[in-house]
C-alpha atoms as a PDB file:
ATOM      1  CA  MET A   1      66.715 139.602 338.782  1.00  0.00           C
ATOM      2  CA  ARG A   2      64.744 137.107 336.722  1.00  0.00           C
ATOM      3  CA  ALA A   3      61.480 138.438 335.337  1.00  0.00           C
ATOM      4  CA  LEU A   4      58.557 136.752 333.622  1.00  0.00           C
ATOM      5  CA  VAL A   5      56.816 138.972 331.062  1.00  0.00           C
ATOM      6  CA  THR A   6      53.529 137.674 329.682  1.00  0.00           C
ATOM      7  CA  GLY A   7      52.573 139.172 326.332  1.00  0.00           C
ATOM      8  CA  ALA A   8      56.300 139.651 325.736  1.00  0.00           C
ATOM      9  CA  ALA A   9      56.025 140.034 321.952  1.00  0.00           C
ATOM     10  CA  GLY A  10      53.289 142.634 322.102  1.00  0.00           C
ATOM     11  CA  PHE A  11      53.607 146.408 321.796  1.00  0.00           C
ATOM     12  CA  ILE A  12      54.252 147.277 325.450  1.00  0.00           C
ATOM     13  CA  GLY A  13      55.683 143.864 326.301  1.00  0.00           C
ATOM     14  CA  GLY A  14      58.403 144.138 323.679  1.00  0.00           C
ATOM     15  CA  HIS A  15      59.483 147.561 324.921  1.00  0.00           C
ATOM     16  CA  LEU A  16      59.476 146.338 328.529  1.00  0.00           C
ATOM     17  CA  CYS A  17      61.557 143.257 327.704  1.00  0.00           C
ATOM     18  CA  ARG A  18      64.100 145.348 325.826  1.00  0.00           C
ATOM     19  CA  SER A  19      64.434 147.756 328.761  1.00  0.00           C
ATOM     20  CA  LEU A  20      64.951 144.906 331.243  1.00  0.00           C
ATOM     21  CA  ILE A  21      67.450 143.097 329.025  1.00  0.00           C
ATOM     22  CA  ASP A  22      69.441 146.264 328.371  1.00  0.00           C
ATOM     23  CA  ASP A  23      69.792 146.633 332.130  1.00  0.00           C
ATOM     24  CA  GLY A  24      71.363 143.198 332.339  1.00  0.00           C
ATOM     25  CA  GLN A  25      68.326 141.388 333.703  1.00  0.00           C
ATOM     26  CA  GLU A  26      67.243 137.903 332.726  1.00  0.00           C
ATOM     27  CA  VAL A  27      63.827 137.732 331.083  1.00  0.00           C
ATOM     28  CA  VAL A  28      61.499 134.841 330.391  1.00  0.00           C
ATOM     29  CA  GLY A  29      58.977 135.947 327.788  1.00  0.00           C
ATOM     30  CA  LEU A  30      55.633 134.245 327.259  1.00  0.00           C
ATOM     31  CA  ASP A  31      53.489 134.868 324.193  1.00  0.00           C
ATOM     32  CA  SER A  32      50.887 132.805 322.353  1.00  0.00           C
ATOM     33  CA  PHE A  33      51.134 134.800 319.077  1.00  0.00           C
ATOM     34  CA  THR A  34      47.382 134.985 318.571  1.00  0.00           C
ATOM     35  CA  ASP A  35      46.017 136.236 315.254  1.00  0.00           C
ATOM     36  CA  PHE A  36      44.180 139.296 316.650  1.00  0.00           C
ATOM     37  CA  TYR A  37      46.645 141.108 314.398  1.00  0.00           C
ATOM     38  CA  ASP A  38      49.380 139.769 312.123  1.00  0.00           C
ATOM     39  CA  PRO A  39      51.566 137.466 314.266  1.00  0.00           C
ATOM     40  CA  ALA A  40      54.512 138.216 311.955  1.00  0.00           C
ATOM     41  CA  SER A  41      54.961 141.639 313.533  1.00  0.00           C
ATOM     42  CA  LYS A  42      55.081 140.067 316.995  1.00  0.00           C
ATOM     43  CA  ARG A  43      57.572 137.474 315.824  1.00  0.00           C
ATOM     44  CA  THR A  44      59.759 140.308 314.557  1.00  0.00           C
ATOM     45  CA  ILE A  45      59.711 141.834 318.048  1.00  0.00           C
ATOM     46  CA  ALA A  46      60.517 138.473 319.632  1.00  0.00           C
ATOM     47  CA  ALA A  47      63.402 137.884 317.204  1.00  0.00           C
ATOM     48  CA  ALA A  48      64.871 141.284 318.082  1.00  0.00           C
ATOM     49  CA  LEU A  49      64.885 140.293 321.760  1.00  0.00           C
ATOM     50  CA  ALA A  50      66.702 137.009 321.199  1.00  0.00           C
ATOM     51  CA  GLY A  51      69.922 136.668 323.167  1.00  0.00           C
ATOM     52  CA  GLU A  52      71.525 135.031 326.139  1.00  0.00           C
ATOM     53  CA  ARG A  53      69.382 136.952 328.651  1.00  0.00           C
ATOM     54  CA  PHE A  54      66.033 136.293 326.936  1.00  0.00           C
ATOM     55  CA  THR A  55      64.129 133.021 326.784  1.00  0.00           C
ATOM     56  CA  LEU A  56      60.880 132.809 324.817  1.00  0.00           C
ATOM     57  CA  ALA A  57      58.083 130.409 325.684  1.00  0.00           C
ATOM     58  CA  GLU A  58      55.459 130.222 322.933  1.00  0.00           C
ATOM     59  CA  ALA A  59      52.383 129.009 324.762  1.00  0.00           C
ATOM     60  CA  ASP A  60      48.893 129.858 325.986  1.00  0.00           C
ATOM     61  CA  LEU A  61      48.858 131.156 329.555  1.00  0.00           C
ATOM     62  CA  ASN A  62      45.800 129.004 330.218  1.00  0.00           C
ATOM     63  CA  LEU A  63      47.676 125.846 329.234  1.00  0.00           C
ATOM     64  CA  VAL A  64      51.391 126.378 329.919  1.00  0.00           C
ATOM     65  CA  ASP A  65      53.206 124.664 332.777  1.00  0.00           C
ATOM     66  CA  LEU A  66      53.335 127.593 335.178  1.00  0.00           C
ATOM     67  CA  GLU A  67      55.319 125.669 337.774  1.00  0.00           C
ATOM     68  CA  ALA A  68      58.226 125.405 335.349  1.00  0.00           C
ATOM     69  CA  LEU A  69      57.727 128.908 333.944  1.00  0.00           C
ATOM     70  CA  LEU A  70      57.936 130.551 337.380  1.00  0.00           C
ATOM     71  CA  ASP A  71      61.057 128.651 338.454  1.00  0.00           C
ATOM     72  CA  GLY A  72      63.578 131.212 339.697  1.00  0.00           C
ATOM     73  CA  VAL A  73      61.341 134.186 338.817  1.00  0.00           C
ATOM     74  CA  ASP A  74      61.103 137.023 341.329  1.00  0.00           C
ATOM     75  CA  THR A  75      59.020 139.524 339.341  1.00  0.00           C
ATOM     76  CA  VAL A  76      56.035 138.894 337.063  1.00  0.00           C
ATOM     77  CA  PHE A  77      54.838 141.512 334.589  1.00  0.00           C
ATOM     78  CA  HIS A  78      51.431 140.344 333.390  1.00  0.00           C
ATOM     79  CA  LEU A  79      50.755 142.173 330.122  1.00  0.00           C
ATOM     80  CA  ALA A  80      49.135 139.339 328.154  1.00  0.00           C
ATOM     81  CA  GLY A  81      45.472 139.600 327.268  1.00  0.00           C
ATOM     82  CA  GLN A  82      42.927 140.049 324.538  1.00  0.00           C
ATOM     83  CA  PRO A  83      42.958 143.755 323.535  1.00  0.00           C
ATOM     84  CA  GLY A  84      40.436 145.941 321.763  1.00  0.00           C
ATOM     85  CA  VAL A  85      37.211 147.635 322.826  1.00  0.00           C
ATOM     86  CA  ARG A  86      35.405 147.299 319.508  1.00  0.00           C
ATOM     87  CA  GLY A  87      36.091 143.594 319.062  1.00  0.00           C
ATOM     88  CA  SER A  88      34.817 142.627 322.497  1.00  0.00           C
ATOM     89  CA  TRP A  89      31.119 142.670 321.593  1.00  0.00           C
ATOM     90  CA  GLY A  90      29.202 139.624 320.413  1.00  0.00           C
ATOM     91  CA  SER A  91      30.413 136.055 320.075  1.00  0.00           C
ATOM     92  CA  SER A  92      34.084 136.994 320.456  1.00  0.00           C
ATOM     93  CA  PHE A  93      33.490 137.899 324.116  1.00  0.00           C
ATOM     94  CA  ALA A  94      34.475 134.373 325.122  1.00  0.00           C
ATOM     95  CA  GLN A  95      38.016 135.094 323.891  1.00  0.00           C
ATOM     96  CA  TYR A  96      38.153 138.086 326.238  1.00  0.00           C
ATOM     97  CA  THR A  97      36.970 136.203 329.302  1.00  0.00           C
ATOM     98  CA  LEU A  98      39.431 133.385 328.604  1.00  0.00           C
ATOM     99  CA  ALA A  99      42.446 135.636 327.963  1.00  0.00           C
ATOM    100  CA  ASN A 100      41.740 138.448 330.436  1.00  0.00           C
ATOM    101  CA  ILE A 101      40.005 136.726 333.343  1.00  0.00           C
ATOM    102  CA  ASP A 102      40.694 132.987 333.294  1.00  0.00           C
ATOM    103  CA  ALA A 103      44.380 133.416 332.447  1.00  0.00           C
ATOM    104  CA  THR A 104      44.845 136.056 335.161  1.00  0.00           C
ATOM    105  CA  GLN A 105      43.182 133.868 337.783  1.00  0.00           C
ATOM    106  CA  ARG A 106      45.368 130.912 336.786  1.00  0.00           C
ATOM    107  CA  LEU A 107      48.532 133.004 337.003  1.00  0.00           C
ATOM    108  CA  LEU A 108      47.546 134.384 340.411  1.00  0.00           C
ATOM    109  CA  GLU A 109      46.938 130.878 341.745  1.00  0.00           C
ATOM    110  CA  ALA A 110      50.387 129.847 340.544  1.00  0.00           C
ATOM    111  CA  VAL A 111      52.117 132.904 342.004  1.00  0.00           C
ATOM    112  CA  ARG A 112      50.393 132.294 345.345  1.00  0.00           C
ATOM    113  CA  ASP A 113      52.281 128.997 345.499  1.00  0.00           C
ATOM    114  CA  HIS A 114      55.622 130.642 344.631  1.00  0.00           C
ATOM    115  CA  PRO A 115      56.691 132.775 347.606  1.00  0.00           C
ATOM    116  CA  SER A 116      59.912 133.652 345.753  1.00  0.00           C
ATOM    117  CA  VAL A 117      57.849 135.978 343.538  1.00  0.00           C
ATOM    118  CA  ARG A 118      58.019 139.345 345.273  1.00  0.00           C
ATOM    119  CA  ARG A 119      55.846 141.310 342.847  1.00  0.00           C
ATOM    120  CA  LEU A 120      53.188 140.706 340.201  1.00  0.00           C
ATOM    121  CA  VAL A 121      52.409 143.773 338.086  1.00  0.00           C
ATOM    122  CA  TYR A 122      49.069 143.586 336.274  1.00  0.00           C
ATOM    123  CA  ALA A 123      48.433 145.703 333.191  1.00  0.00           C
ATOM    124  CA  SER A 124      44.956 147.125 333.682  1.00  0.00           C
ATOM    125  CA  SER A 125      43.316 149.806 331.548  1.00  0.00           C
ATOM    126  CA  SER A 126      41.641 153.201 331.721  1.00  0.00           C
ATOM    127  CA  SER A 127      38.710 151.418 330.048  1.00  0.00           C
ATOM    128  CA  ILE A 128      37.602 150.316 333.516  1.00  0.00           C
ATOM    129  CA  TYR A 129      36.421 153.895 334.198  1.00  0.00           C
ATOM    130  CA  GLY A 130      34.050 154.172 331.225  1.00  0.00           C
ATOM    131  CA  ASN A 131      32.632 157.686 331.080  1.00  0.00           C
ATOM    132  CA  ALA A 132      34.069 158.900 334.362  1.00  0.00           C
ATOM    133  CA  GLU A 133      32.214 161.521 336.380  1.00  0.00           C
ATOM    134  CA  THR A 134      35.246 163.712 337.121  1.00  0.00           C
ATOM    135  CA  PHE A 135      38.606 164.611 335.564  1.00  0.00           C
ATOM    136  CA  PRO A 136      41.388 164.061 336.267  1.00  0.00           C
ATOM    137  CA  THR A 137      39.982 160.740 337.438  1.00  0.00           C
ATOM    138  CA  LEU A 138      41.205 159.387 340.777  1.00  0.00           C
ATOM    139  CA  GLU A 139      41.819 155.697 341.450  1.00  0.00           C
ATOM    140  CA  SER A 140      39.075 155.908 344.099  1.00  0.00           C
ATOM    141  CA  THR A 141      36.485 156.691 341.414  1.00  0.00           C
ATOM    142  CA  THR A 142      33.921 153.914 341.109  1.00  0.00           C
ATOM    143  CA  PRO A 143      34.684 151.895 337.965  1.00  0.00           C
ATOM    144  CA  ALA A 144      31.910 151.863 335.373  1.00  0.00           C
ATOM    145  CA  PRO A 145      33.179 150.225 332.158  1.00  0.00           C
ATOM    146  CA  ILE A 146      31.073 150.735 329.031  1.00  0.00           C
ATOM    147  CA  SER A 147      32.578 147.909 326.955  1.00  0.00           C
ATOM    148  CA  PRO A 148      32.888 144.153 327.476  1.00  0.00           C
ATOM    149  CA  TYR A 149      36.667 144.608 327.178  1.00  0.00           C
ATOM    150  CA  GLY A 150      36.606 147.063 330.086  1.00  0.00           C
ATOM    151  CA  VAL A 151      34.549 144.616 332.124  1.00  0.00           C
ATOM    152  CA  THR A 152      37.149 141.874 331.678  1.00  0.00           C
ATOM    153  CA  LYS A 153      40.083 144.161 332.508  1.00  0.00           C
ATOM    154  CA  LEU A 154      38.299 145.282 335.666  1.00  0.00           C
ATOM    155  CA  ALA A 155      37.625 141.660 336.605  1.00  0.00           C
ATOM    156  CA  GLY A 156      41.325 140.838 336.231  1.00  0.00           C
ATOM    157  CA  GLU A 157      42.252 143.849 338.341  1.00  0.00           C
ATOM    158  CA  GLN A 158      39.797 142.911 341.065  1.00  0.00           C
ATOM    159  CA  LEU A 159      41.190 139.389 341.109  1.00  0.00           C
ATOM    160  CA  CYS A 160      44.618 140.899 341.803  1.00  0.00           C
ATOM    161  CA  VAL A 161      43.236 142.941 344.691  1.00  0.00           C
ATOM    162  CA  LEU A 162      41.382 139.897 346.012  1.00  0.00           C
ATOM    163  CA  PHE A 163      44.452 137.628 345.952  1.00  0.00           C
ATOM    164  CA  ALA A 164      46.453 140.377 347.657  1.00  0.00           C
ATOM    165  CA  SER A 165      43.946 140.835 350.474  1.00  0.00           C
ATOM    166  CA  GLU A 166      43.152 137.146 351.019  1.00  0.00           C
ATOM    167  CA  PHE A 167      46.528 135.508 350.453  1.00  0.00           C
ATOM    168  CA  GLY A 168      49.070 138.309 350.479  1.00  0.00           C
ATOM    169  CA  VAL A 169      49.979 137.839 346.823  1.00  0.00           C
ATOM    170  CA  PRO A 170      52.183 140.897 346.099  1.00  0.00           C
ATOM    171  CA  THR A 171      50.132 142.423 343.289  1.00  0.00           C
ATOM    172  CA  VAL A 172      49.967 145.942 341.913  1.00  0.00           C
ATOM    173  CA  ALA A 173      47.625 146.968 339.093  1.00  0.00           C
ATOM    174  CA  LEU A 174      48.439 149.776 336.671  1.00  0.00           C
ATOM    175  CA  ARG A 175      45.653 151.460 334.747  1.00  0.00           C
ATOM    176  CA  TYR A 176      47.291 152.413 331.448  1.00  0.00           C
ATOM    177  CA  PHE A 177      45.834 155.390 329.582  1.00  0.00           C
ATOM    178  CA  THR A 178      45.998 155.090 325.740  1.00  0.00           C
ATOM    179  CA  VAL A 179      49.571 154.003 325.148  1.00  0.00           C
ATOM    180  CA  TYR A 180      51.266 155.037 321.904  1.00  0.00           C
ATOM    181  CA  GLY A 181      54.710 155.080 320.320  1.00  0.00           C
ATOM    182  CA  PRO A 182      56.853 153.051 317.907  1.00  0.00           C
ATOM    183  CA  ARG A 183      55.603 149.513 317.221  1.00  0.00           C
ATOM    184  CA  GLN A 184      52.099 150.360 318.383  1.00  0.00           C
ATOM    185  CA  ARG A 185      49.539 147.728 317.326  1.00  0.00           C
ATOM    186  CA  PRO A 186      48.274 148.144 313.740  1.00  0.00           C
ATOM    187  CA  ASP A 187      44.640 148.388 314.857  1.00  0.00           C
ATOM    188  CA  MET A 188      45.288 151.347 317.159  1.00  0.00           C
ATOM    189  CA  ALA A 189      44.432 154.876 316.115  1.00  0.00           C
ATOM    190  CA  PHE A 190      47.854 156.505 315.828  1.00  0.00           C
ATOM    191  CA  THR A 191      49.292 153.664 313.767  1.00  0.00           C
ATOM    192  CA  ARG A 192      46.281 153.756 311.452  1.00  0.00           C
ATOM    193  CA  PHE A 193      46.444 157.549 311.157  1.00  0.00           C
ATOM    194  CA  ILE A 194      50.185 157.653 310.548  1.00  0.00           C
ATOM    195  CA  ARG A 195      50.120 154.859 307.980  1.00  0.00           C
ATOM    196  CA  ALA A 196      47.338 156.590 306.080  1.00  0.00           C
ATOM    197  CA  GLY A 197      49.041 159.981 306.332  1.00  0.00           C
ATOM    198  CA  LEU A 198      52.342 158.674 305.004  1.00  0.00           C
ATOM    199  CA  THR A 199      50.757 156.734 302.151  1.00  0.00           C
ATOM    200  CA  GLY A 200      48.126 159.289 301.155  1.00  0.00           C
ATOM    201  CA  GLN A 201      45.169 157.135 302.118  1.00  0.00           C
ATOM    202  CA  THR A 202      41.933 158.293 303.733  1.00  0.00           C
ATOM    203  CA  ILE A 203      41.790 158.200 307.529  1.00  0.00           C
ATOM    204  CA  SER A 204      38.566 156.865 309.027  1.00  0.00           C
ATOM    205  CA  VAL A 205      37.733 158.543 312.339  1.00  0.00           C
ATOM    206  CA  PHE A 206      35.084 157.097 314.626  1.00  0.00           C
ATOM    207  CA  GLY A 207      32.667 159.812 315.713  1.00  0.00           C
ATOM    208  CA  ASP A 208      33.140 163.556 315.361  1.00  0.00           C
ATOM    209  CA  GLY A 209      36.779 163.699 316.471  1.00  0.00           C
ATOM    210  CA  ALA A 210      35.962 165.807 319.538  1.00  0.00           C
ATOM    211  CA  GLN A 211      36.390 162.866 321.921  1.00  0.00           C
ATOM    212  CA  ARG A 212      39.332 163.417 324.252  1.00  0.00           C
ATOM    213  CA  ARG A 213      41.957 160.937 325.412  1.00  0.00           C
ATOM    214  CA  GLU A 214      44.854 160.958 327.832  1.00  0.00           C
ATOM    215  CA  PHE A 215      47.815 159.718 325.771  1.00  0.00           C
ATOM    216  CA  THR A 216      50.833 158.041 327.389  1.00  0.00           C
ATOM    217  CA  TYR A 217      54.101 157.425 325.573  1.00  0.00           C
ATOM    218  CA  VAL A 218      55.328 153.839 325.734  1.00  0.00           C
ATOM    219  CA  ASP A 219      58.692 154.674 327.342  1.00  0.00           C
ATOM    220  CA  ASP A 220      56.865 156.395 330.200  1.00  0.00           C
ATOM    221  CA  VAL A 221      54.644 153.333 330.590  1.00  0.00           C
ATOM    222  CA  VAL A 222      57.689 151.054 330.742  1.00  0.00           C
ATOM    223  CA  ALA A 223      59.277 153.278 333.401  1.00  0.00           C
ATOM    224  CA  ALA A 224      56.132 153.175 335.545  1.00  0.00           C
ATOM    225  CA  THR A 225      55.801 149.421 335.092  1.00  0.00           C
ATOM    226  CA  ARG A 226      59.389 148.772 336.134  1.00  0.00           C
ATOM    227  CA  LEU A 227      59.042 151.015 339.182  1.00  0.00           C
ATOM    228  CA  ALA A 228      55.918 149.114 340.196  1.00  0.00           C
ATOM    229  CA  GLY A 229      57.909 145.898 339.943  1.00  0.00           C
ATOM    230  CA  SER A 230      60.826 147.060 342.063  1.00  0.00           C
ATOM    231  CA  SER A 231      59.443 149.523 344.632  1.00  0.00           C
ATOM    232  CA  GLU A 232      58.234 148.823 348.158  1.00  0.00           C
ATOM    233  CA  ILE A 233      54.508 149.483 348.053  1.00  0.00           C
ATOM    234  CA  ALA A 234      51.435 147.994 349.668  1.00  0.00           C
ATOM    235  CA  VAL A 235      50.215 144.747 348.118  1.00  0.00           C
ATOM    236  CA  GLY A 236      46.993 145.198 346.170  1.00  0.00           C
ATOM    237  CA  SER A 237      47.828 148.789 345.179  1.00  0.00           C
ATOM    238  CA  VAL A 238      46.201 150.286 342.088  1.00  0.00           C
ATOM    239  CA  PHE A 239      47.624 153.254 340.158  1.00  0.00           C
ATOM    240  CA  ASN A 240      46.799 155.314 337.090  1.00  0.00           C
ATOM    241  CA  VAL A 241      49.558 155.516 334.486  1.00  0.00           C
ATOM    242  CA  SER A 242      48.468 158.660 332.693  1.00  0.00           C
ATOM    243  CA  GLY A 243      50.679 160.585 330.310  1.00  0.00           C
ATOM    244  CA  GLY A 244      49.677 164.166 331.051  1.00  0.00           C
ATOM    245  CA  SER A 245      48.886 164.737 327.361  1.00  0.00           C
ATOM    246  CA  GLN A 246      45.130 165.013 327.024  1.00  0.00           C
ATOM    247  CA  ALA A 247      43.920 166.016 323.572  1.00  0.00           C
ATOM    248  CA  SER A 248      41.013 165.527 321.223  1.00  0.00           C
ATOM    249  CA  VAL A 249      41.313 163.136 318.295  1.00  0.00           C
ATOM    250  CA  ALA A 250      41.081 166.169 315.993  1.00  0.00           C
ATOM    251  CA  GLN A 251      44.053 167.783 317.750  1.00  0.00           C
ATOM    252  CA  THR A 252      46.147 164.634 317.403  1.00  0.00           C
ATOM    253  CA  LEU A 253      45.383 164.573 313.678  1.00  0.00           C
ATOM    254  CA  GLU A 254      46.756 168.105 313.407  1.00  0.00           C
ATOM    255  CA  LEU A 255      49.964 167.003 315.130  1.00  0.00           C
ATOM    256  CA  ILE A 256      50.269 163.981 312.847  1.00  0.00           C
ATOM    257  CA  ALA A 257      49.716 166.124 309.748  1.00  0.00           C
ATOM    258  CA  SER A 258      52.486 168.438 310.871  1.00  0.00           C
ATOM    259  CA  ALA A 259      54.839 165.528 311.544  1.00  0.00           C
ATOM    260  CA  VAL A 260      54.206 163.764 308.210  1.00  0.00           C
ATOM    261  CA  GLY A 261      54.367 167.074 306.330  1.00  0.00           C
ATOM    262  CA  ARG A 262      51.141 166.813 304.377  1.00  0.00           C
ATOM    263  CA  SER A 263      47.408 167.407 304.669  1.00  0.00           C
ATOM    264  CA  LEU A 264      45.363 164.437 305.814  1.00  0.00           C
ATOM    265  CA  GLN A 265      42.326 163.032 304.049  1.00  0.00           C
ATOM    266  CA  ILE A 266      39.752 162.392 306.769  1.00  0.00           C
ATOM    267  CA  GLU A 267      36.322 160.786 306.760  1.00  0.00           C
ATOM    268  CA  HIS A 268      34.094 160.532 309.822  1.00  0.00           C
ATOM    269  CA  ILE A 269      32.170 157.334 310.489  1.00  0.00           C
ATOM    270  CA  ASP A 270      29.760 156.332 313.228  1.00  0.00           C
ATOM    271  CA  ARG A 271      30.935 156.302 316.824  1.00  0.00           C
ATOM    272  CA  ALA A 272      32.042 152.841 317.906  1.00  0.00           C
ATOM    273  CA  ALA A 273      30.138 151.149 320.706  1.00  0.00           C
ATOM    274  CA  GLY A 274      32.073 151.205 323.954  1.00  0.00           C
ATOM    275  CA  ASP A 275      34.257 154.227 323.150  1.00  0.00           C
ATOM    276  CA  ALA A 276      34.413 156.657 326.069  1.00  0.00           C
ATOM    277  CA  ARG A 277      33.843 160.340 325.327  1.00  0.00           C
ATOM    278  CA  GLU A 278      36.786 161.417 327.490  1.00  0.00           C
ATOM    279  CA  THR A 279      39.583 159.886 329.542  1.00  0.00           C
ATOM    280  CA  GLY A 280      42.074 161.558 331.845  1.00  0.00           C
ATOM    281  CA  GLY A 281      43.716 160.163 334.944  1.00  0.00           C
ATOM    282  CA  SER A 282      45.189 161.772 338.024  1.00  0.00           C
ATOM    283  CA  THR A 283      48.829 160.819 338.670  1.00  0.00           C
ATOM    284  CA  GLU A 284      48.995 162.088 342.249  1.00  0.00           C
ATOM    285  CA  ALA A 285      48.975 158.596 343.755  1.00  0.00           C
ATOM    286  CA  ILE A 286      51.673 157.075 341.545  1.00  0.00           C
ATOM    287  CA  ARG A 287      53.850 160.162 341.937  1.00  0.00           C
ATOM    288  CA  ALA A 288      53.651 159.899 345.720  1.00  0.00           C
ATOM    289  CA  ALA A 289      54.181 156.121 345.879  1.00  0.00           C
ATOM    290  CA  LEU A 290      56.679 155.522 343.083  1.00  0.00           C
ATOM    291  CA  GLY A 291      58.046 158.953 342.218  1.00  0.00           C
ATOM    292  CA  TRP A 292      56.833 158.488 338.637  1.00  0.00           C
ATOM    293  CA  THR A 293      55.850 161.329 336.350  1.00  0.00           C
ATOM    294  CA  PRO A 294      55.487 161.259 332.553  1.00  0.00           C
ATOM    295  CA  THR A 295      58.335 162.872 330.622  1.00  0.00           C
ATOM    296  CA  VAL A 296      57.386 162.709 326.923  1.00  0.00           C
ATOM    297  CA  SER A 297      55.025 165.315 325.465  1.00  0.00           C
ATOM    298  CA  LEU A 298      52.394 164.338 322.921  1.00  0.00           C
ATOM    299  CA  GLU A 299      54.072 166.348 320.165  1.00  0.00           C
ATOM    300  CA  THR A 300      57.448 164.698 320.814  1.00  0.00           C
ATOM    301  CA  GLY A 301      55.940 161.236 321.102  1.00  0.00           C
ATOM    302  CA  ILE A 302      53.960 161.539 317.892  1.00  0.00           C
ATOM    303  CA  GLY A 303      57.090 162.757 316.128  1.00  0.00           C
ATOM    304  CA  ARG A 304      58.930 159.627 317.257  1.00  0.00           C
ATOM    305  CA  GLN A 305      56.088 157.370 316.159  1.00  0.00           C
ATOM    306  CA  VAL A 306      55.973 159.065 312.755  1.00  0.00           C
ATOM    307  CA  GLU A 307      59.717 158.482 312.283  1.00  0.00           C
ATOM    308  CA  TRP A 308      59.144 154.803 313.045  1.00  0.00           C
ATOM    309  CA  GLY A 309      56.229 154.859 310.621  1.00  0.00           C
ATOM    310  CA  ARG A 310      58.450 156.179 307.843  1.00  0.00           C
ATOM    311  CA  GLU A 311      60.696 153.133 308.250  1.00  0.00           C
ATOM    312  CA  VAL A 312      57.752 150.714 308.247  1.00  0.00           C
ATOM    313  CA  PHE A 313      55.240 152.256 305.825  1.00  0.00           C
ATOM    314  CA  GLY A 314      57.546 154.300 303.585  1.00  0.00           C
END
């Protein structure tokens, strides 16, 4: 198997590449090393992947020679994109449309012309649901994103469904629910909380802390993503990847305090625009189609991320 992983040096991308390589598969990684957060951390991930079964292409997906990049590839894992709900408002929105919509459309066009590609897995997001009407939320629920980021992720997902229905491009979209674990991005909540807890700094919490999230450990996400890339399923399928660990932000802070072994200094600031009050996805469909179920509890996963944090933050 020869896989192309876009966003290969990112949080989830790095874990996915490592899993594929460890299984003896050949991986072509694409990453543009944008400065949304410190590129040095991504370069560290890329360096750790270096070896005879991993080739890194440092390029922009909107500009790279996709004909050459897809040569010999049978599976594409499309994880690249511009992340972050809070940063998607205002003038920066153009970065989101370029990275999340234009790049996805360009990749789909290229894959359409490469019949050797038997699967394209698109990393979508629970942000497409917004403030869902029911929980656990089914894939059939009408999407209603409440952030520009969510709008662009939904647009990319719908492009995948469109190319599948019109041209038979073998796409599957996975709606990831709040992924966490070692090497999580520095702007994400658990990394911020753990760093502050370990160093004795004050933790800034958006809103009252009662907002609830469905948290999914990164190893479970990688397992679901790999199954989506290798299983026989209908083209254009869409699945939730939801970790079965719903908790309030306040509850996660209690777990982090226990794991770091000290009380946390917490300050509450205004709710951020675009943040959903609650997320929680049904996994019935992905269990039936792929046999996937999450295996890592929130307490265990946070413990593992804290241990990683001790190595990084001291």
